PDB file of N, CA and C in Angstrom:
ATOM      1  N   UNK A   1     -56.211 120.046  36.969  1.00  0.00           N
ATOM      2  CA  UNK A   1     -57.114 119.316  36.106  1.00  0.00           C
ATOM      3  C   UNK A   1     -58.485 119.313  36.780  1.00  0.00           C
ATOM      4  N   UNK A   2     -59.476 119.592  36.027  1.00  0.00           N
ATOM      5  CA  UNK A   2     -60.845 119.621  36.529  1.00  0.00           C
ATOM      6  C   UNK A   2     -61.608 118.495  35.847  1.00  0.00           C
ATOM      7  N   UNK A   3     -62.217 117.623  36.655  1.00  0.00           N
ATOM      8  CA  UNK A   3     -62.872 116.436  36.097  1.00  0.00           C
ATOM      9  C   UNK A   3     -63.972 116.801  35.102  1.00  0.00           C
ATOM     10  N   UNK A   4     -64.754 117.819  35.403  1.00  0.00           N
ATOM     11  CA  UNK A   4     -65.843 118.201  34.509  1.00  0.00           C
ATOM     12  C   UNK A   4     -65.337 118.608  33.126  1.00  0.00           C
ATOM     13  N   UNK A   5     -64.141 119.179  33.070  1.00  0.00           N
ATOM     14  CA  UNK A   5     -63.548 119.557  31.791  1.00  0.00           C
ATOM     15  C   UNK A   5     -63.207 118.324  30.956  1.00  0.00           C
ATOM     16  N   UNK A   6     -63.054 117.202  31.613  1.00  0.00           N
ATOM     17  CA  UNK A   6     -62.774 115.946  30.921  1.00  0.00           C
ATOM     18  C   UNK A   6     -64.049 115.152  30.659  1.00  0.00           C
ATOM     19  N   UNK A   7     -65.198 115.722  31.034  1.00  0.00           N
ATOM     20  CA  UNK A   7     -66.470 115.042  30.804  1.00  0.00           C
ATOM     21  C   UNK A   7     -66.717 113.893  31.752  1.00  0.00           C
ATOM     22  N   UNK A   8     -66.154 113.980  32.935  1.00  0.00           N
ATOM     23  CA  UNK A   8     -66.329 112.918  33.920  1.00  0.00           C
ATOM     24  C   UNK A   8     -66.290 113.522  35.317  1.00  0.00           C
ATOM     25  N   UNK A   9     -66.482 112.690  36.298  1.00  0.00           N
ATOM     26  CA  UNK A   9     -66.362 113.111  37.690  1.00  0.00           C
ATOM     27  C   UNK A   9     -65.503 112.098  38.421  1.00  0.00           C
ATOM     28  N   UNK A  10     -64.725 112.590  39.380  1.00  0.00           N
ATOM     29  CA  UNK A  10     -63.937 111.670  40.183  1.00  0.00           C
ATOM     30  C   UNK A  10     -64.903 110.715  40.886  1.00  0.00           C
ATOM     31  N   UNK A  11     -64.591 109.477  40.997  1.00  0.00           N
ATOM     32  CA  UNK A  11     -63.290 108.828  40.848  1.00  0.00           C
ATOM     33  C   UNK A  11     -62.977 108.278  39.469  1.00  0.00           C
ATOM     34  N   UNK A  12     -63.600 108.742  38.426  1.00  0.00           N
ATOM     35  CA  UNK A  12     -63.309 108.282  37.072  1.00  0.00           C
ATOM     36  C   UNK A  12     -61.830 108.539  36.766  1.00  0.00           C
ATOM     37  N   UNK A  13     -61.139 107.519  36.331  1.00  0.00           N
ATOM     38  CA  UNK A  13     -59.701 107.606  36.080  1.00  0.00           C
ATOM     39  C   UNK A  13     -59.343 108.483  34.886  1.00  0.00           C
ATOM     40  N   UNK A  14     -60.308 108.817  34.043  1.00  0.00           N
ATOM     41  CA  UNK A  14     -59.997 109.633  32.859  1.00  0.00           C
ATOM     42  C   UNK A  14     -59.376 110.968  33.224  1.00  0.00           C
ATOM     43  N   UNK A  15     -59.788 111.527  34.338  1.00  0.00           N
ATOM     44  CA  UNK A  15     -59.227 112.808  34.757  1.00  0.00           C
ATOM     45  C   UNK A  15     -57.740 112.678  35.045  1.00  0.00           C
ATOM     46  N   UNK A  16     -57.384 111.615  35.744  1.00  0.00           N
ATOM     47  CA  UNK A  16     -55.984 111.407  36.092  1.00  0.00           C
ATOM     48  C   UNK A  16     -55.166 111.026  34.854  1.00  0.00           C
ATOM     49  N   UNK A  17     -55.758 110.261  33.949  1.00  0.00           N
ATOM     50  CA  UNK A  17     -55.085 109.920  32.698  1.00  0.00           C
ATOM     51  C   UNK A  17     -54.831 111.183  31.876  1.00  0.00           C
ATOM     52  N   UNK A  18     -55.808 112.084  31.842  1.00  0.00           N
ATOM     53  CA  UNK A  18     -55.639 113.352  31.120  1.00  0.00           C
ATOM     54  C   UNK A  18     -54.558 114.212  31.772  1.00  0.00           C
ATOM     55  N   UNK A  19     -54.492 114.180  33.095  1.00  0.00           N
ATOM     56  CA  UNK A  19     -53.451 114.946  33.793  1.00  0.00           C
ATOM     57  C   UNK A  19     -52.071 114.402  33.447  1.00  0.00           C
ATOM     58  N   UNK A  20     -51.936 113.085  33.434  1.00  0.00           N
ATOM     59  CA  UNK A  20     -50.655 112.489  33.046  1.00  0.00           C
ATOM     60  C   UNK A  20     -50.285 112.907  31.626  1.00  0.00           C
ATOM     61  N   UNK A  21     -51.237 112.783  30.727  1.00  0.00           N
ATOM     62  CA  UNK A  21     -50.997 113.137  29.331  1.00  0.00           C
ATOM     63  C   UNK A  21     -50.624 114.619  29.205  1.00  0.00           C
ATOM     64  N   UNK A  22     -51.304 115.462  29.969  1.00  0.00           N
ATOM     65  CA  UNK A  22     -51.021 116.893  29.942  1.00  0.00           C
ATOM     66  C   UNK A  22     -49.618 117.229  30.408  1.00  0.00           C
ATOM     67  N   UNK A  23     -49.040 116.357  31.224  1.00  0.00           N
ATOM     68  CA  UNK A  23     -47.664 116.548  31.680  1.00  0.00           C
ATOM     69  C   UNK A  23     -46.662 115.838  30.779  1.00  0.00           C
ATOM     70  N   UNK A  24     -47.183 115.252  29.679  1.00  0.00           N
ATOM     71  CA  UNK A  24     -46.301 114.537  28.772  1.00  0.00           C
ATOM     72  C   UNK A  24     -45.895 113.173  29.292  1.00  0.00           C
ATOM     73  N   UNK A  25     -46.700 112.615  30.182  1.00  0.00           N
ATOM     74  CA  UNK A  25     -46.399 111.324  30.792  1.00  0.00           C
ATOM     75  C   UNK A  25     -47.400 110.276  30.338  1.00  0.00           C
ATOM     76  N   UNK A  26     -46.984 109.036  30.389  1.00  0.00           N
ATOM     77  CA  UNK A  26     -47.862 107.934  30.031  1.00  0.00           C
ATOM     78  C   UNK A  26     -48.165 107.075  31.244  1.00  0.00           C
ATOM     79  N   UNK A  27     -48.934 106.020  31.051  1.00  0.00           N
ATOM     80  CA  UNK A  27     -49.309 105.130  32.162  1.00  0.00           C
ATOM     81  C   UNK A  27     -48.106 104.543  32.898  1.00  0.00           C
ATOM     82  N   UNK A  28     -47.013 104.303  32.196  1.00  0.00           N
ATOM     83  CA  UNK A  28     -45.830 103.732  32.846  1.00  0.00           C
ATOM     84  C   UNK A  28     -45.156 104.717  33.794  1.00  0.00           C
ATOM     85  N   UNK A  29     -45.488 105.992  33.675  1.00  0.00           N
ATOM     86  CA  UNK A  29     -44.891 107.021  34.531  1.00  0.00           C
ATOM     87  C   UNK A  29     -45.703 107.274  35.801  1.00  0.00           C
ATOM     88  N   UNK A  30     -46.873 106.662  35.913  1.00  0.00           N
ATOM     89  CA  UNK A  30     -47.783 106.962  37.024  1.00  0.00           C
ATOM     90  C   UNK A  30     -47.129 106.757  38.389  1.00  0.00           C
ATOM     91  N   UNK A  31     -46.243 105.779  38.515  1.00  0.00           N
ATOM     92  CA  UNK A  31     -45.590 105.514  39.789  1.00  0.00           C
ATOM     93  C   UNK A  31     -44.619 106.586  40.228  1.00  0.00           C
ATOM     94  N   UNK A  32     -44.374 107.556  39.363  1.00  0.00           N
ATOM     95  CA  UNK A  32     -43.494 108.678  39.701  1.00  0.00           C
ATOM     96  C   UNK A  32     -44.269 109.962  39.933  1.00  0.00           C
ATOM     97  N   UNK A  33     -45.591 109.853  39.964  1.00  0.00           N
ATOM     98  CA  UNK A  33     -46.467 111.016  40.117  1.00  0.00           C
ATOM     99  C   UNK A  33     -47.157 110.934  41.473  1.00  0.00           C
ATOM    100  N   UNK A  34     -47.322 112.087  42.098  1.00  0.00           N
ATOM    101  CA  UNK A  34     -47.971 112.165  43.403  1.00  0.00           C
ATOM    102  C   UNK A  34     -49.314 112.877  43.265  1.00  0.00           C
ATOM    103  N   UNK A  35     -50.323 112.327  43.913  1.00  0.00           N
ATOM    104  CA  UNK A  35     -51.648 112.961  43.993  1.00  0.00           C
ATOM    105  C   UNK A  35     -51.915 113.248  45.460  1.00  0.00           C
ATOM    106  N   UNK A  36     -52.155 114.510  45.773  1.00  0.00           N
ATOM    107  CA  UNK A  36     -52.530 114.895  47.134  1.00  0.00           C
ATOM    108  C   UNK A  36     -54.010 115.247  47.106  1.00  0.00           C
ATOM    109  N   UNK A  37     -54.793 114.585  47.916  1.00  0.00           N
ATOM    110  CA  UNK A  37     -56.220 114.844  47.947  1.00  0.00           C
ATOM    111  C   UNK A  37     -56.780 114.710  49.345  1.00  0.00           C
ATOM    112  N   UNK A  38     -58.016 115.171  49.500  1.00  0.00           N
ATOM    113  CA  UNK A  38     -58.635 115.131  50.830  1.00  0.00           C
ATOM    114  C   UNK A  38     -59.899 114.272  50.856  1.00  0.00           C
ATOM    115  N   UNK A  39     -60.107 113.488  49.800  1.00  0.00           N
ATOM    116  CA  UNK A  39     -61.311 112.657  49.728  1.00  0.00           C
ATOM    117  C   UNK A  39     -60.873 111.230  49.404  1.00  0.00           C
ATOM    118  N   UNK A  40     -61.129 110.303  50.331  1.00  0.00           N
ATOM    119  CA  UNK A  40     -60.645 108.938  50.149  1.00  0.00           C
ATOM    120  C   UNK A  40     -61.174 108.298  48.871  1.00  0.00           C
ATOM    121  N   UNK A  41     -62.477 108.324  48.670  1.00  0.00           N
ATOM    122  CA  UNK A  41     -63.060 107.647  47.509  1.00  0.00           C
ATOM    123  C   UNK A  41     -62.677 108.337  46.208  1.00  0.00           C
ATOM    124  N   UNK A  42     -62.898 109.616  46.138  1.00  0.00           N
ATOM    125  CA  UNK A  42     -62.750 110.327  44.870  1.00  0.00           C
ATOM    126  C   UNK A  42     -61.303 110.608  44.503  1.00  0.00           C
ATOM    127  N   UNK A  43     -60.440 110.800  45.467  1.00  0.00           N
ATOM    128  CA  UNK A  43     -59.047 111.123  45.171  1.00  0.00           C
ATOM    129  C   UNK A  43     -58.135 109.898  45.268  1.00  0.00           C
ATOM    130  N   UNK A  44     -58.163 109.239  46.402  1.00  0.00           N
ATOM    131  CA  UNK A  44     -57.255 108.121  46.624  1.00  0.00           C
ATOM    132  C   UNK A  44     -57.603 106.925  45.742  1.00  0.00           C
ATOM    133  N   UNK A  45     -58.900 106.624  45.615  1.00  0.00           N
ATOM    134  CA  UNK A  45     -59.312 105.478  44.817  1.00  0.00           C
ATOM    135  C   UNK A  45     -58.823 105.572  43.387  1.00  0.00           C
ATOM    136  N   UNK A  46     -59.008 106.706  42.762  1.00  0.00           N
ATOM    137  CA  UNK A  46     -58.586 106.893  41.365  1.00  0.00           C
ATOM    138  C   UNK A  46     -57.073 106.840  41.223  1.00  0.00           C
ATOM    139  N   UNK A  47     -56.384 107.547  42.088  1.00  0.00           N
ATOM    140  CA  UNK A  47     -54.924 107.558  42.016  1.00  0.00           C
ATOM    141  C   UNK A  47     -54.373 106.144  42.192  1.00  0.00           C
ATOM    142  N   UNK A  48     -54.871 105.437  43.174  1.00  0.00           N
ATOM    143  CA  UNK A  48     -54.385 104.079  43.436  1.00  0.00           C
ATOM    144  C   UNK A  48     -54.651 103.153  42.260  1.00  0.00           C
ATOM    145  N   UNK A  49     -55.786 103.288  41.619  1.00  0.00           N
ATOM    146  CA  UNK A  49     -56.117 102.427  40.488  1.00  0.00           C
ATOM    147  C   UNK A  49     -55.114 102.579  39.355  1.00  0.00           C
ATOM    148  N   UNK A  50     -54.559 103.759  39.206  1.00  0.00           N
ATOM    149  CA  UNK A  50     -53.598 104.013  38.129  1.00  0.00           C
ATOM    150  C   UNK A  50     -52.147 103.827  38.564  1.00  0.00           C
ATOM    151  N   UNK A  51     -51.914 103.566  39.840  1.00  0.00           N
ATOM    152  CA  UNK A  51     -50.556 103.403  40.337  1.00  0.00           C
ATOM    153  C   UNK A  51     -49.877 104.703  40.714  1.00  0.00           C
ATOM    154  N   UNK A  52     -50.654 105.783  40.785  1.00  0.00           N
ATOM    155  CA  UNK A  52     -50.132 107.079  41.208  1.00  0.00           C
ATOM    156  C   UNK A  52     -49.925 107.052  42.720  1.00  0.00           C
ATOM    157  N   UNK A  53     -48.878 107.682  43.196  1.00  0.00           N
ATOM    158  CA  UNK A  53     -48.600 107.737  44.637  1.00  0.00           C
ATOM    159  C   UNK A  53     -49.661 108.607  45.289  1.00  0.00           C
ATOM    160  N   UNK A  54     -50.429 108.024  46.194  1.00  0.00           N
ATOM    161  CA  UNK A  54     -51.541 108.752  46.819  1.00  0.00           C
ATOM    162  C   UNK A  54     -51.151 109.256  48.200  1.00  0.00           C
ATOM    163  N   UNK A  55     -51.435 110.539  48.406  1.00  0.00           N
ATOM    164  CA  UNK A  55     -51.218 111.174  49.711  1.00  0.00           C
ATOM    165  C   UNK A  55     -52.554 111.769  50.128  1.00  0.00           C
ATOM    166  N   UNK A  56     -53.044 111.312  51.246  1.00  0.00           N
ATOM    167  CA  UNK A  56     -54.327 111.792  51.754  1.00  0.00           C
ATOM    168  C   UNK A  56     -54.095 112.877  52.787  1.00  0.00           C
ATOM    169  N   UNK A  57     -54.709 114.016  52.559  1.00  0.00           N
ATOM    170  CA  UNK A  57     -54.677 115.132  53.516  1.00  0.00           C
ATOM    171  C   UNK A  57     -55.882 114.948  54.414  1.00  0.00           C
ATOM    172  N   UNK A  58     -55.652 114.338  55.559  1.00  0.00           N
ATOM    173  CA  UNK A  58     -56.710 114.013  56.503  1.00  0.00           C
ATOM    174  C   UNK A  58     -57.064 115.254  57.315  1.00  0.00           C
ATOM    175  N   UNK A  59     -57.996 116.040  56.779  1.00  0.00           N
ATOM    176  CA  UNK A  59     -58.324 117.288  57.460  1.00  0.00           C
ATOM    177  C   UNK A  59     -59.815 117.523  57.565  1.00  0.00           C
ATOM    178  N   UNK A  60     -60.584 116.904  56.713  1.00  0.00           N
ATOM    179  CA  UNK A  60     -62.015 117.189  56.661  1.00  0.00           C
ATOM    180  C   UNK A  60     -62.785 116.356  57.679  1.00  0.00           C
ATOM    181  N   UNK A  61     -63.608 117.017  58.442  1.00  0.00           N
ATOM    182  CA  UNK A  61     -64.476 116.299  59.381  1.00  0.00           C
ATOM    183  C   UNK A  61     -65.819 115.994  58.734  1.00  0.00           C
ATOM    184  N   UNK A  62     -66.022 116.505  57.524  1.00  0.00           N
ATOM    185  CA  UNK A  62     -67.276 116.268  56.804  1.00  0.00           C
ATOM    186  C   UNK A  62     -67.243 114.955  56.041  1.00  0.00           C
ATOM    187  N   UNK A  63     -66.058 114.470  55.729  1.00  0.00           N
ATOM    188  CA  UNK A  63     -65.928 113.260  54.914  1.00  0.00           C
ATOM    189  C   UNK A  63     -65.459 112.097  55.771  1.00  0.00           C
ATOM    190  N   UNK A  64     -65.677 110.908  55.233  1.00  0.00           N
ATOM    191  CA  UNK A  64     -65.246 109.699  55.934  1.00  0.00           C
ATOM    192  C   UNK A  64     -63.737 109.718  56.131  1.00  0.00           C
ATOM    193  N   UNK A  65     -63.319 109.225  57.250  1.00  0.00           N
ATOM    194  CA  UNK A  65     -61.894 109.102  57.543  1.00  0.00           C
ATOM    195  C   UNK A  65     -61.465 107.642  57.537  1.00  0.00           C
ATOM    196  N   UNK A  66     -62.389 106.789  57.097  1.00  0.00           N
ATOM    197  CA  UNK A  66     -62.125 105.353  57.036  1.00  0.00           C
ATOM    198  C   UNK A  66     -62.363 104.888  55.600  1.00  0.00           C
ATOM    199  N   UNK A  67     -61.357 104.312  54.965  1.00  0.00           N
ATOM    200  CA  UNK A  67     -61.553 103.831  53.593  1.00  0.00           C
ATOM    201  C   UNK A  67     -62.667 102.781  53.540  1.00  0.00           C
ATOM    202  N   UNK A  68     -63.559 102.930  52.572  1.00  0.00           N
ATOM    203  CA  UNK A  68     -64.656 101.983  52.410  1.00  0.00           C
ATOM    204  C   UNK A  68     -64.206 100.746  51.646  1.00  0.00           C
ATOM    205  N   UNK A  69     -63.157 100.871  50.844  1.00  0.00           N
ATOM    206  CA  UNK A  69     -62.647  99.781  50.026  1.00  0.00           C
ATOM    207  C   UNK A  69     -61.124  99.800  50.055  1.00  0.00           C
ATOM    208  N   UNK A  70     -60.519  98.674  49.737  1.00  0.00           N
ATOM    209  CA  UNK A  70     -59.057  98.571  49.755  1.00  0.00           C
ATOM    210  C   UNK A  70     -58.397  99.562  48.816  1.00  0.00           C
ATOM    211  N   UNK A  71     -59.040  99.861  47.674  1.00  0.00           N
ATOM    212  CA  UNK A  71     -58.405 100.782  46.725  1.00  0.00           C
ATOM    213  C   UNK A  71     -58.449 102.234  47.188  1.00  0.00           C
ATOM    214  N   UNK A  72     -59.121 102.505  48.289  1.00  0.00           N
ATOM    215  CA  UNK A  72     -59.177 103.865  48.840  1.00  0.00           C
ATOM    216  C   UNK A  72     -58.112 104.109  49.906  1.00  0.00           C
ATOM    217  N   UNK A  73     -57.349 103.091  50.253  1.00  0.00           N
ATOM    218  CA  UNK A  73     -56.323 103.236  51.294  1.00  0.00           C
ATOM    219  C   UNK A  73     -55.159 104.030  50.710  1.00  0.00           C
ATOM    220  N   UNK A  74     -54.868 105.199  51.270  1.00  0.00           N
ATOM    221  CA  UNK A  74     -53.780 106.015  50.726  1.00  0.00           C
ATOM    222  C   UNK A  74     -52.422 105.398  51.029  1.00  0.00           C
ATOM    223  N   UNK A  75     -51.480 105.662  50.158  1.00  0.00           N
ATOM    224  CA  UNK A  75     -50.131 105.174  50.420  1.00  0.00           C
ATOM    225  C   UNK A  75     -49.510 105.948  51.584  1.00  0.00           C
ATOM    226  N   UNK A  76     -49.832 107.237  51.671  1.00  0.00           N
ATOM    227  CA  UNK A  76     -49.321 108.096  52.747  1.00  0.00           C
ATOM    228  C   UNK A  76     -50.461 108.962  53.258  1.00  0.00           C
ATOM    229  N   UNK A  77     -50.342 109.401  54.499  1.00  0.00           N
ATOM    230  CA  UNK A  77     -51.317 110.313  55.098  1.00  0.00           C
ATOM    231  C   UNK A  77     -50.577 111.460  55.762  1.00  0.00           C
ATOM    232  N   UNK A  78     -51.062 112.667  55.528  1.00  0.00           N
ATOM    233  CA  UNK A  78     -50.562 113.827  56.259  1.00  0.00           C
ATOM    234  C   UNK A  78     -51.746 114.464  56.968  1.00  0.00           C
ATOM    235  N   UNK A  79     -51.472 115.132  58.057  1.00  0.00           N
ATOM    236  CA  UNK A  79     -52.538 115.775  58.818  1.00  0.00           C
ATOM    237  C   UNK A  79     -52.470 117.294  58.734  1.00  0.00           C
ATOM    238  N   UNK A  80     -51.321 117.792  58.303  1.00  0.00           N
ATOM    239  CA  UNK A  80     -51.138 119.241  58.157  1.00  0.00           C
ATOM    240  C   UNK A  80     -50.352 119.499  56.881  1.00  0.00           C
ATOM    241  N   UNK A  81     -50.663 120.585  56.200  1.00  0.00           N
ATOM    242  CA  UNK A  81     -50.012 120.903  54.930  1.00  0.00           C
ATOM    243  C   UNK A  81     -48.502 121.017  55.093  1.00  0.00           C
ATOM    244  N   UNK A  82     -48.050 121.448  56.259  1.00  0.00           N
ATOM    245  CA  UNK A  82     -46.620 121.596  56.508  1.00  0.00           C
ATOM    246  C   UNK A  82     -45.855 120.283  56.478  1.00  0.00           C
ATOM    247  N   UNK A  83     -46.560 119.156  56.571  1.00  0.00           N
ATOM    248  CA  UNK A  83     -45.908 117.846  56.513  1.00  0.00           C
ATOM    249  C   UNK A  83     -45.544 117.448  55.083  1.00  0.00           C
ATOM    250  N   UNK A  84     -46.168 118.074  54.103  1.00  0.00           N
ATOM    251  CA  UNK A  84     -46.000 117.652  52.718  1.00  0.00           C
ATOM    252  C   UNK A  84     -44.565 117.778  52.200  1.00  0.00           C
ATOM    253  N   UNK A  85     -43.856 118.891  52.392  1.00  0.00           N
ATOM    254  CA  UNK A  85     -42.496 118.977  51.830  1.00  0.00           C
ATOM    255  C   UNK A  85     -41.568 117.860  52.329  1.00  0.00           C
ATOM    256  N   UNK A  86     -41.613 117.562  53.608  1.00  0.00           N
ATOM    257  CA  UNK A  86     -40.772 116.489  54.143  1.00  0.00           C
ATOM    258  C   UNK A  86     -41.132 115.132  53.572  1.00  0.00           C
ATOM    259  N   UNK A  87     -42.434 114.884  53.417  1.00  0.00           N
ATOM    260  CA  UNK A  87     -42.875 113.618  52.842  1.00  0.00           C
ATOM    261  C   UNK A  87     -42.442 113.510  51.387  1.00  0.00           C
ATOM    262  N   UNK A  88     -42.578 114.581  50.617  1.00  0.00           N
ATOM    263  CA  UNK A  88     -42.139 114.553  49.222  1.00  0.00           C
ATOM    264  C   UNK A  88     -40.641 114.288  49.120  1.00  0.00           C
ATOM    265  N   UNK A  89     -39.857 114.879  50.012  1.00  0.00           N
ATOM    266  CA  UNK A  89     -38.415 114.630  50.024  1.00  0.00           C
ATOM    267  C   UNK A  89     -38.130 113.157  50.330  1.00  0.00           C
ATOM    268  N   UNK A  90     -38.873 112.593  51.264  1.00  0.00           N
ATOM    269  CA  UNK A  90     -38.724 111.180  51.605  1.00  0.00           C
ATOM    270  C   UNK A  90     -39.062 110.290  50.406  1.00  0.00           C
ATOM    271  N   UNK A  91     -40.145 110.602  49.710  1.00  0.00           N
ATOM    272  CA  UNK A  91     -40.553 109.833  48.533  1.00  0.00           C
ATOM    273  C   UNK A  91     -39.485 109.932  47.445  1.00  0.00           C
ATOM    274  N   UNK A  92     -38.942 111.112  47.240  1.00  0.00           N
ATOM    275  CA  UNK A  92     -37.889 111.282  46.227  1.00  0.00           C
ATOM    276  C   UNK A  92     -36.654 110.464  46.578  1.00  0.00           C
ATOM    277  N   UNK A  93     -36.279 110.432  47.856  1.00  0.00           N
ATOM    278  CA  UNK A  93     -35.121 109.622  48.276  1.00  0.00           C
ATOM    279  C   UNK A  93     -35.383 108.143  48.015  1.00  0.00           C
ATOM    280  N   UNK A  94     -36.603 107.679  48.333  1.00  0.00           N
ATOM    281  CA  UNK A  94     -36.952 106.284  48.094  1.00  0.00           C
ATOM    282  C   UNK A  94     -36.894 105.959  46.608  1.00  0.00           C
ATOM    283  N   UNK A  95     -37.387 106.857  45.777  1.00  0.00           N
ATOM    284  CA  UNK A  95     -37.377 106.629  44.332  1.00  0.00           C
ATOM    285  C   UNK A  95     -35.943 106.605  43.795  1.00  0.00           C
ATOM    286  N   UNK A  96     -35.081 107.474  44.309  1.00  0.00           N
ATOM    287  CA  UNK A  96     -33.682 107.503  43.870  1.00  0.00           C
ATOM    288  C   UNK A  96     -32.980 106.208  44.260  1.00  0.00           C
ATOM    289  N   UNK A  97     -33.222 105.726  45.477  1.00  0.00           N
ATOM    290  CA  UNK A  97     -32.624 104.450  45.899  1.00  0.00           C
ATOM    291  C   UNK A  97     -33.113 103.310  45.026  1.00  0.00           C
ATOM    292  N   UNK A  98     -34.405 103.319  44.690  1.00  0.00           N
ATOM    293  CA  UNK A  98     -34.974 102.253  43.861  1.00  0.00           C
ATOM    294  C   UNK A  98     -34.387 102.277  42.446  1.00  0.00           C
ATOM    295  N   UNK A  99     -34.098 103.486  41.939  1.00  0.00           N
ATOM    296  CA  UNK A  99     -33.484 103.572  40.604  1.00  0.00           C
ATOM    297  C   UNK A  99     -32.073 102.993  40.623  1.00  0.00           C
ATOM    298  N   UNK A 100     -31.352 103.230  41.714  1.00  0.00           N
ATOM    299  CA  UNK A 100     -29.971 102.735  41.814  1.00  0.00           C
ATOM    300  C   UNK A 100     -29.904 101.276  42.204  1.00  0.00           C
ATOM    301  N   UNK A 101     -30.959 100.797  42.881  1.00  0.00           N
ATOM    302  CA  UNK A 101     -31.005  99.405  43.323  1.00  0.00           C
ATOM    303  C   UNK A 101     -32.443  98.899  43.107  1.00  0.00           C
ATOM    304  N   UNK A 102     -32.741  98.385  41.912  1.00  0.00           N
ATOM    305  CA  UNK A 102     -34.108  97.960  41.591  1.00  0.00           C
ATOM    306  C   UNK A 102     -34.705  96.949  42.565  1.00  0.00           C
ATOM    307  N   UNK A 103     -33.881  96.237  43.312  1.00  0.00           N
ATOM    308  CA  UNK A 103     -34.413  95.280  44.290  1.00  0.00           C
ATOM    309  C   UNK A 103     -35.176  95.990  45.406  1.00  0.00           C
ATOM    310  N   UNK A 104     -34.941  97.301  45.589  1.00  0.00           N
ATOM    311  CA  UNK A 104     -35.624  98.077  46.629  1.00  0.00           C
ATOM    312  C   UNK A 104     -36.984  98.575  46.174  1.00  0.00           C
ATOM    313  N   UNK A 105     -37.267  98.482  44.897  1.00  0.00           N
ATOM    314  CA  UNK A 105     -38.523  99.022  44.355  1.00  0.00           C
ATOM    315  C   UNK A 105     -39.719  98.214  44.822  1.00  0.00           C
TER     316      UNK A 105
END
């Protein structure tokens, strides 16, 4: 999804809403969607506002590495792309446990 194609720029949530819609998902499904980004404000802030699982790829030395606001704090952080598959597997296990035992959610 490209923000400009939606007539907005990140961190505008419309881009993420359009991405959900494009996948046939609604706002209630956001907690089952993962956003991987490398920009705290533009990627993490928008994802967090919608309840999307945010994963920050902490790799850029050009951008801030400290969240400026609480809504920019990523749910997860990876430092290398190779960490992503294991983290996704962990998230899937947590989601499966929560489905079987809602008290864990």
